Protein backbone atom coordinates (compact mmCIF):
# COMPACT_ATOMS: atom_id res chain seq x y z
CA MET A 1 -1.22 -6.46 -16.97
CA VAL A 2 1.30 -7.44 -14.31
CA VAL A 3 4.76 -5.87 -14.63
CA ASP A 4 7.93 -5.40 -12.61
CA ALA A 5 7.18 -2.11 -10.83
CA GLN A 6 10.89 -1.35 -10.58
CA ASN A 7 11.53 -1.87 -14.33
CA MET A 8 8.36 -1.19 -16.30
CA PRO A 9 8.23 -2.09 -20.01
CA PHE A 10 6.56 1.18 -21.06
CA GLU A 11 7.59 4.20 -23.10
CA VAL A 12 8.29 7.57 -21.47
CA ASN A 13 5.11 9.48 -20.53
CA SER A 14 2.89 6.71 -21.94
CA ILE A 15 0.79 5.56 -18.97
CA ARG A 16 -2.25 7.32 -17.49
CA GLY A 17 -2.72 5.09 -14.45
CA ILE A 18 -1.10 2.35 -12.40
CA TYR A 19 -2.74 0.27 -9.68
CA GLY A 20 -1.11 -1.94 -7.07
CA ILE A 21 -2.60 -3.82 -4.16
CA ASN A 22 -0.52 -5.31 -1.35
CA CYS A 23 2.63 -4.94 -3.42
CA PHE A 24 4.49 -1.80 -2.31
CA HIS A 25 5.86 -3.40 0.86
CA HIS A 26 7.46 -6.11 -1.33
CA PHE A 27 9.59 -3.65 -3.36
CA PRO A 28 13.26 -4.20 -2.45
CA ASN A 29 14.07 -0.69 -3.72
CA PRO A 30 11.16 1.79 -3.70
CA ASN A 31 13.46 4.38 -5.30
CA LEU A 32 13.44 2.36 -8.52
CA PHE A 33 9.63 2.33 -8.41
CA PHE A 34 9.41 6.11 -7.97
CA LYS A 35 11.90 6.67 -10.80
CA GLU A 36 9.76 4.44 -13.00
CA LEU A 37 6.62 6.39 -12.04
CA GLU A 38 8.33 9.62 -13.02
CA ARG A 39 9.42 8.06 -16.31
CA VAL A 40 6.28 6.22 -17.49
CA LEU A 41 3.41 8.34 -16.13
CA GLU A 42 2.12 11.10 -18.34
CA VAL A 43 1.69 14.51 -16.70
CA GLY A 44 -1.42 14.31 -14.54
CA GLY A 45 -1.26 10.51 -14.55
CA GLY A 46 -1.38 8.66 -11.30
CA CYS A 47 -0.74 5.59 -9.26
CA VAL A 48 -3.13 4.06 -6.74
CA LEU A 49 -1.62 1.83 -4.07
CA ILE A 50 -3.39 -0.18 -1.39
CA ASP A 51 -1.02 -1.52 1.22
CA PRO A 52 -0.99 -2.54 4.89
CA TYR A 53 -1.95 0.29 7.23
CA TYR A 54 0.02 1.26 10.32
CA GLY A 55 -2.77 1.93 12.83
CA THR A 56 -3.29 0.44 16.27
CA VAL A 57 -4.97 -2.81 15.25
CA ALA A 58 -3.08 -3.27 11.98
CA SER A 59 0.37 -2.92 13.52
CA ARG A 60 -0.45 -5.66 16.03
CA PHE A 61 -2.29 -7.82 13.50
CA TYR A 62 0.48 -7.80 10.89
CA LYS A 63 3.22 -8.51 13.44
CA LYS A 64 1.51 -11.80 14.32
CA ILE A 65 -0.06 -12.98 11.08
CA PHE A 66 2.84 -13.64 8.71
CA ASP A 67 6.01 -15.51 9.63
CA SER A 68 7.75 -14.49 6.41
CA GLU A 69 7.04 -10.74 6.69
CA THR A 70 7.82 -8.21 9.39
CA PHE A 71 6.09 -5.04 10.52
CA ASP A 72 8.99 -2.83 11.56
CA MET A 73 8.12 0.86 11.65
CA THR A 74 11.69 1.67 12.75
CA GLN A 75 13.45 0.37 9.62
CA LYS A 76 16.09 3.01 8.84
CA GLU A 77 16.38 2.80 5.05
CA TRP A 78 13.79 2.25 2.33
CA VAL A 79 15.97 -0.16 0.40
CA ASN A 80 16.09 -3.81 1.45
CA GLU A 81 17.95 -5.70 -1.25
CA GLU A 82 17.85 -8.89 0.86
CA LEU A 83 14.16 -9.39 0.11
CA GLY A 84 13.29 -12.68 -1.50
CA PHE A 85 10.53 -13.10 -4.05
CA MET A 86 7.30 -12.32 -2.18
CA ASN A 87 8.75 -12.92 1.26
CA GLY A 88 10.81 -11.05 3.78
CA ALA A 89 8.83 -7.86 3.17
CA ASN A 90 8.33 -5.14 5.77
CA GLN A 91 4.61 -4.46 5.85
CA ALA A 92 5.31 -1.07 7.44
CA LEU A 93 7.17 0.18 4.35
CA SER A 94 4.29 2.36 3.13
CA TYR A 95 4.21 4.03 6.56
CA ILE A 96 7.98 4.56 6.47
CA VAL A 97 8.00 6.10 2.98
CA PHE A 98 4.67 7.98 2.78
CA VAL A 99 4.29 9.12 6.40
CA ARG A 100 7.51 9.04 8.40
CA ASP A 101 9.78 10.04 5.48
CA LYS A 102 7.26 12.06 3.47
CA LYS A 103 9.55 15.12 3.32
CA LYS A 104 12.39 12.95 1.98
CA LEU A 105 10.04 11.51 -0.66
CA GLU A 106 8.99 15.02 -1.72
CA GLN A 107 12.64 16.16 -1.97
CA LEU A 108 13.81 13.12 -3.93
CA TYR A 109 10.84 13.06 -6.32
CA PRO A 110 9.51 16.62 -6.72
CA ASN A 111 7.52 15.62 -9.83
CA LEU A 112 5.38 13.23 -7.78
CA GLU A 113 2.79 14.33 -5.26
CA ILE A 114 0.65 12.41 -2.81
CA VAL A 115 -2.89 13.59 -3.48
CA LEU A 116 -4.66 11.18 -1.13
CA GLN A 117 -3.69 8.97 1.74
CA LYS A 118 -6.29 7.54 4.06
CA PRO A 119 -7.19 4.36 5.92
CA LEU A 120 -9.75 2.10 4.26
CA ASN A 121 -12.82 0.93 6.10
CA ASN A 122 -13.08 -2.53 4.55
CA TYR A 123 -11.48 -4.33 7.49
CA LEU A 124 -14.51 -6.36 8.57
CA ARG A 125 -15.17 -7.57 5.01
CA TYR A 126 -11.47 -8.32 4.58
CA LEU A 127 -11.30 -10.44 7.72
CA LEU A 128 -14.68 -12.14 7.31
CA SER A 129 -14.06 -12.92 3.64
CA GLY A 130 -10.86 -14.73 4.56
CA GLY A 131 -8.48 -11.94 3.55
CA LEU A 132 -5.47 -13.19 1.64
CA ASN A 133 -4.79 -16.55 3.23
CA PHE A 134 -7.74 -17.72 5.27
CA ARG A 135 -11.11 -19.40 4.99
CA GLN A 136 -14.20 -17.29 4.45
CA VAL A 137 -16.02 -16.88 7.77
CA LEU A 138 -19.39 -15.57 6.56
CA PRO A 139 -21.20 -16.16 3.26
CA SER A 140 -20.96 -13.32 0.74
CA PHE A 141 -24.65 -12.41 1.07
CA PHE A 142 -23.79 -10.87 4.47
CA SER A 143 -21.66 -8.24 2.70
CA PRO A 144 -24.31 -5.45 2.72
CA LEU A 145 -24.77 -5.88 6.48
CA ILE A 146 -21.02 -5.86 7.06
CA LYS A 147 -20.69 -2.71 4.92
CA LEU A 148 -23.30 -1.06 7.15
CA TRP A 149 -21.28 -1.97 10.25
CA GLU A 150 -18.15 -0.60 8.62
CA PHE A 151 -20.00 2.62 7.77
CA THR A 152 -20.99 3.11 11.41
CA LEU A 153 -17.37 2.53 12.44
CA ILE A 154 -15.89 5.15 10.04
CA PRO A 155 -14.95 7.48 12.94
CA PHE A 156 -12.68 4.68 14.22
CA ASN A 157 -10.91 3.90 10.91
CA ARG A 158 -7.55 5.13 12.20
CA ILE A 159 -7.76 2.51 14.94
CA PHE A 160 -9.28 -0.48 13.11
CA ALA A 161 -8.13 -0.10 9.47
CA LEU A 162 -5.93 -2.87 8.08
CA HIS A 163 -5.13 -1.17 4.75
CA HIS A 164 -4.71 2.34 3.46
CA ILE A 165 -4.88 3.89 0.04
CA ILE A 166 -2.17 6.13 -1.36
CA VAL A 167 -2.77 8.09 -4.57
CA ILE A 168 0.26 9.60 -6.28
CA ARG A 169 0.09 11.99 -9.24
CA LYS A 170 2.80 13.13 -11.62
CA LYS A 171 3.03 16.92 -11.63
CA ALA A 172 3.78 19.08 -14.66
């Protein structure tokens, strides 16, 4: 089910899990999203987000790849009400909120806790599969070989990763 993450159509404490991929950086007001998580998640329930990473390669990659989206790690505020529908996003928003301003997040939303945040090692498959907007470079049957390469590169995830996963849980 696809819903407005800043105004979810669910009852209080009625949802066990929420999943979002490449969406967080499009939220004009992440505060509304966090308030909704506090409202709709049951105690112990969680939210899994996959969003652009902020590492060495990703920060350069995202600055050049999309004309309609920025990658500005220095953005002062979380809220950007000037965002249009699916454009104008700051792909560094998950860095800003979950890393740079983590203490602020914890103070504003004490009922939510980040239980996991780490770079993903799917970058070769992402790029070679065509990612979001491109043509597939290699046939899918190469996937096991690419996974093996990614496995050997795990020690370098912080450098090469293009996405990271953030898992948030509602505390009691």
